[in-house]
Amino acid sequence: MTGMAVAAQAHGEPQARIGPNAIIQVAEALRHRLGPADASRLFDAAGLTGWLTAPPTDMVDEACVTVLHGVVRDQLDVETAAAVFHDAGRRTADYLLAHRIPRPVQPVLKGLPPSMASRLLLAAITRHSWTFAGSGRFAVLPGRPLKVSIEGCPLCGGAASATPQCAYYAGTFERLYRVLVSRRTVVTETACQALGDRACEFTLDWSRR
């Protein structure tokens, strides 16, 4: 860990760890949408150039994720940054579907009514929330449609914005739910700490036709 990531940790940001897809899939999304030169420029600005050629294989320091996501937000326009993060989230979900969610389980979930499939998938997401929320606290909120929150969200740590900033999580949740629960699922970030809210909140709604 070098450069800006070290500086972020030195300023007291939490040293929790997050799965490497929060780095790897952002790199892939940047390469796909902007090209290798811009991906290299942004990773260099975050002090993480080495991970473009040798991606991390283990959990990474949360400070690195916070810095990289902050650099992408700061150096790209709002729409492009959101598109990159949503694409990275989708790619992360595809990795989970291919490597982490057991293949025999997936057709079972797809064959269940959406509400039941959602309960089972949500239970698994909650059990493994430490792998994507880092020092943040993942919770399921009461009411319908389904809402989840991440308090102390690492992706928008220290950010102040007029728009929600956690498209990476929204893209991940939406892809998982569209594949395993309902193809109609739409995930919307309805609150964000970057807006001054207490937590980042996401609505997962598959009732729309």
Protein backbone atom coordinates (compact mmCIF):
# COMPACT_ATOMS: atom_id res chain seq x y z
CA MET A 1 0.00 0.00 0.00
CA THR A 2 1.51 3.32 -1.06
CA GLY A 3 0.88 6.97 -1.70
CA MET A 4 -2.57 8.33 -0.94
CA ALA A 5 -3.71 5.05 0.62
CA VAL A 6 -1.01 5.31 3.29
CA ALA A 7 -1.97 8.93 3.91
CA ALA A 8 -5.63 7.96 4.36
CA GLN A 9 -4.71 5.36 6.95
CA ALA A 10 -2.42 7.81 8.74
CA HIS A 11 -5.30 10.23 9.15
CA GLY A 12 -7.22 7.73 11.25
CA GLU A 13 -9.44 5.94 8.73
CA PRO A 14 -10.38 2.43 9.90
CA GLN A 15 -8.08 -0.46 9.04
CA ALA A 16 -10.81 -3.00 8.41
CA ARG A 17 -10.55 -5.17 5.32
CA ILE A 18 -12.72 -5.60 2.25
CA GLY A 19 -12.83 -8.22 -0.50
CA PRO A 20 -10.46 -7.51 -3.42
CA ASN A 21 -13.28 -7.17 -5.96
CA ALA A 22 -13.80 -3.60 -4.74
CA ILE A 23 -10.41 -2.94 -6.36
CA ILE A 24 -10.23 -5.54 -9.15
CA GLN A 25 -13.63 -4.88 -10.69
CA VAL A 26 -13.20 -1.10 -10.58
CA ALA A 27 -10.03 -1.63 -12.60
CA GLU A 28 -11.92 -3.77 -15.10
CA ALA A 29 -14.76 -1.26 -15.39
CA LEU A 30 -12.30 1.61 -15.90
CA ARG A 31 -10.44 -0.29 -18.61
CA HIS A 32 -13.70 -1.18 -20.34
CA ARG A 33 -15.22 2.32 -20.27
CA LEU A 34 -12.21 4.63 -20.39
CA GLY A 35 -9.30 2.54 -21.63
CA PRO A 36 -6.08 1.33 -20.02
CA ALA A 37 -4.39 4.74 -19.98
CA ASP A 38 -7.10 6.38 -17.87
CA ALA A 39 -7.31 3.32 -15.61
CA SER A 40 -3.56 3.60 -15.02
CA ARG A 41 -3.80 7.33 -14.37
CA LEU A 42 -6.52 6.91 -11.75
CA PHE A 43 -4.82 4.00 -9.99
CA ASP A 44 -1.58 5.98 -9.94
CA ALA A 45 -3.40 8.93 -8.36
CA ALA A 46 -4.66 6.56 -5.66
CA GLY A 47 -1.17 5.15 -5.06
CA LEU A 48 -2.28 1.69 -6.20
CA THR A 49 -0.62 1.31 -9.61
CA GLY A 50 0.88 -2.07 -8.76
CA TRP A 51 -2.55 -3.66 -8.42
CA LEU A 52 -3.30 -3.06 -12.10
CA THR A 53 -0.64 -5.56 -13.15
CA ALA A 54 -0.78 -7.78 -10.05
CA PRO A 55 -4.35 -7.62 -8.68
CA PRO A 56 -4.82 -8.44 -4.99
CA THR A 57 -5.85 -11.98 -4.20
CA ASP A 58 -6.72 -11.51 -0.53
CA MET A 59 -8.81 -9.08 1.51
CA VAL A 60 -7.47 -5.53 1.16
CA ASP A 61 -7.18 -2.66 3.59
CA GLU A 62 -10.37 -0.62 3.63
CA ALA A 63 -8.32 2.59 3.32
CA CYS A 64 -7.20 1.53 -0.17
CA VAL A 65 -10.79 1.05 -1.30
CA THR A 66 -11.88 4.38 0.17
CA VAL A 67 -9.04 6.22 -1.54
CA LEU A 68 -9.56 4.59 -4.95
CA HIS A 69 -13.29 5.23 -4.99
CA GLY A 70 -12.67 8.81 -3.88
CA VAL A 71 -10.15 9.41 -6.67
CA VAL A 72 -12.54 8.05 -9.31
CA ARG A 73 -15.33 10.32 -8.01
CA ASP A 74 -13.05 13.35 -7.86
CA GLN A 75 -11.48 12.96 -11.30
CA LEU A 76 -14.46 11.82 -13.36
CA ASP A 77 -17.77 13.56 -13.94
CA VAL A 78 -20.70 12.40 -11.85
CA GLU A 79 -22.39 10.34 -14.58
CA THR A 80 -19.21 8.57 -15.70
CA ALA A 81 -18.12 7.75 -12.16
CA ALA A 82 -21.55 6.33 -11.34
CA ALA A 83 -21.51 4.23 -14.52
CA VAL A 84 -18.04 2.89 -13.71
CA PHE A 85 -19.03 1.96 -10.17
CA HIS A 86 -22.33 0.36 -11.21
CA ASP A 87 -20.49 -1.68 -13.84
CA ALA A 88 -17.88 -2.70 -11.25
CA GLY A 89 -20.67 -3.78 -8.91
CA ARG A 90 -22.26 -5.86 -11.67
CA ARG A 91 -18.91 -7.49 -12.38
CA THR A 92 -18.47 -8.23 -8.69
CA ALA A 93 -21.87 -9.94 -8.59
CA ASP A 94 -20.94 -12.01 -11.64
CA TYR A 95 -17.75 -13.10 -9.85
CA LEU A 96 -19.79 -14.10 -6.79
CA LEU A 97 -22.23 -16.05 -8.95
CA ALA A 98 -19.37 -17.86 -10.66
CA HIS A 99 -17.14 -18.53 -7.65
CA ARG A 100 -18.83 -17.93 -4.30
CA ILE A 101 -22.53 -18.82 -4.45
CA PRO A 102 -22.75 -22.62 -4.81
CA ARG A 103 -23.94 -23.66 -8.25
CA PRO A 104 -26.49 -26.19 -6.91
CA VAL A 105 -28.10 -23.47 -4.78
CA GLN A 106 -28.68 -21.02 -7.61
CA PRO A 107 -31.42 -22.91 -9.50
CA VAL A 108 -33.17 -23.58 -6.20
CA LEU A 109 -33.34 -19.84 -5.47
CA LYS A 110 -34.47 -19.07 -9.01
CA GLY A 111 -37.34 -21.55 -8.66
CA LEU A 112 -38.71 -20.07 -5.44
CA PRO A 113 -41.24 -17.23 -5.13
CA PRO A 114 -39.28 -13.94 -5.08
CA SER A 115 -40.11 -13.16 -1.45
CA MET A 116 -38.78 -16.52 -0.26
CA ALA A 117 -35.71 -16.39 -2.51
CA SER A 118 -35.03 -12.89 -1.21
CA ARG A 119 -35.12 -14.00 2.41
CA LEU A 120 -32.59 -16.76 1.77
CA LEU A 121 -30.30 -14.60 -0.33
CA LEU A 122 -30.51 -11.74 2.15
CA ALA A 123 -29.57 -14.06 5.00
CA ALA A 124 -26.44 -15.09 3.08
CA ILE A 125 -25.59 -11.47 2.26
CA THR A 126 -25.96 -10.52 5.92
CA ARG A 127 -23.70 -13.38 7.07
CA HIS A 128 -20.99 -12.29 4.68
CA SER A 129 -21.46 -8.53 4.97
CA TRP A 130 -18.07 -8.18 6.67
CA THR A 131 -16.47 -8.99 3.30
CA PHE A 132 -17.94 -5.94 1.55
CA ALA A 133 -18.89 -3.47 4.28
CA GLY A 134 -15.54 -3.45 6.09
CA SER A 135 -15.89 -1.36 9.22
CA GLY A 136 -19.42 -0.39 8.15
CA ARG A 137 -22.52 -1.99 9.61
CA PHE A 138 -24.93 -3.72 7.24
CA ALA A 139 -28.58 -3.96 8.29
CA VAL A 140 -31.96 -4.94 6.87
CA LEU A 141 -34.56 -2.23 7.48
CA PRO A 142 -38.24 -2.90 8.27
CA GLY A 143 -41.02 -2.30 5.76
CA ARG A 144 -41.72 -2.85 2.09
CA PRO A 145 -40.21 -2.70 -0.44
CA LEU A 146 -37.06 -4.24 0.93
CA LYS A 147 -34.47 -1.77 2.22
CA VAL A 148 -30.94 -2.38 3.43
CA SER A 149 -28.43 0.04 4.89
CA ILE A 150 -24.69 0.38 5.47
CA GLU A 151 -23.81 2.71 8.32
CA GLY A 152 -20.20 3.88 8.26
CA CYS A 153 -20.06 3.07 4.55
CA PRO A 154 -16.42 2.80 3.43
CA LEU A 155 -17.05 3.70 -0.20
CA CYS A 156 -18.07 7.29 0.46
CA GLY A 157 -15.97 7.91 3.57
CA GLY A 158 -15.23 11.60 3.87
CA ALA A 159 -17.17 12.50 0.72
CA ALA A 160 -19.67 15.35 0.42
CA SER A 161 -21.92 15.34 -2.61
CA ALA A 162 -25.26 16.45 -3.98
CA THR A 163 -25.92 12.93 -5.32
CA PRO A 164 -25.69 9.40 -3.83
CA GLN A 165 -22.23 7.91 -4.27
CA CYS A 166 -22.51 4.15 -3.71
CA ALA A 167 -23.40 2.83 -7.17
CA TYR A 168 -20.92 0.00 -6.62
CA TYR A 169 -23.12 -1.55 -3.92
CA ALA A 170 -26.29 -0.80 -5.88
CA GLY A 171 -24.88 -2.54 -8.95
CA THR A 172 -23.84 -5.59 -6.94
CA PHE A 173 -27.19 -5.98 -5.17
CA GLU A 174 -29.17 -5.39 -8.37
CA ARG A 175 -27.29 -7.99 -10.39
CA LEU A 176 -27.51 -10.64 -7.67
CA TYR A 177 -31.23 -10.04 -7.22
CA ARG A 178 -31.98 -9.97 -10.95
CA VAL A 179 -30.27 -13.33 -11.42
CA LEU A 180 -31.44 -15.12 -8.28
CA VAL A 181 -34.69 -13.44 -7.18
CA SER A 182 -36.47 -11.50 -9.93
CA ARG A 183 -35.38 -10.06 -13.26
CA ARG A 184 -37.55 -7.02 -12.48
CA THR A 185 -35.46 -5.96 -9.48
CA VAL A 186 -34.41 -2.31 -9.43
CA VAL A 187 -32.00 -1.12 -6.75
CA THR A 188 -31.98 2.57 -5.85
CA GLU A 189 -29.76 4.33 -3.33
CA THR A 190 -32.25 6.44 -1.40
CA ALA A 191 -29.93 7.86 1.27
CA CYS A 192 -26.17 8.38 1.37
CA GLN A 193 -23.70 9.54 3.96
CA ALA A 194 -22.15 11.74 1.28
CA LEU A 195 -25.45 13.65 1.34
CA GLY A 196 -25.23 14.03 5.11
CA ASP A 197 -27.52 11.08 5.88
CA ARG A 198 -26.92 8.78 8.84
CA ALA A 199 -26.30 5.78 6.61
CA CYS A 200 -26.34 4.71 2.98
CA GLU A 201 -29.69 3.06 2.22
CA PHE A 202 -30.79 1.00 -0.76
CA THR A 203 -34.28 0.03 -1.88
CA LEU A 204 -34.58 -3.34 -3.65
CA ASP A 205 -37.88 -3.43 -5.49
CA TRP A 206 -39.10 -6.17 -7.84
CA SER A 207 -42.79 -5.18 -7.81
CA ARG A 208 -42.56 -2.90 -10.88
CA ARG A 209 -43.93 -4.21 -14.16
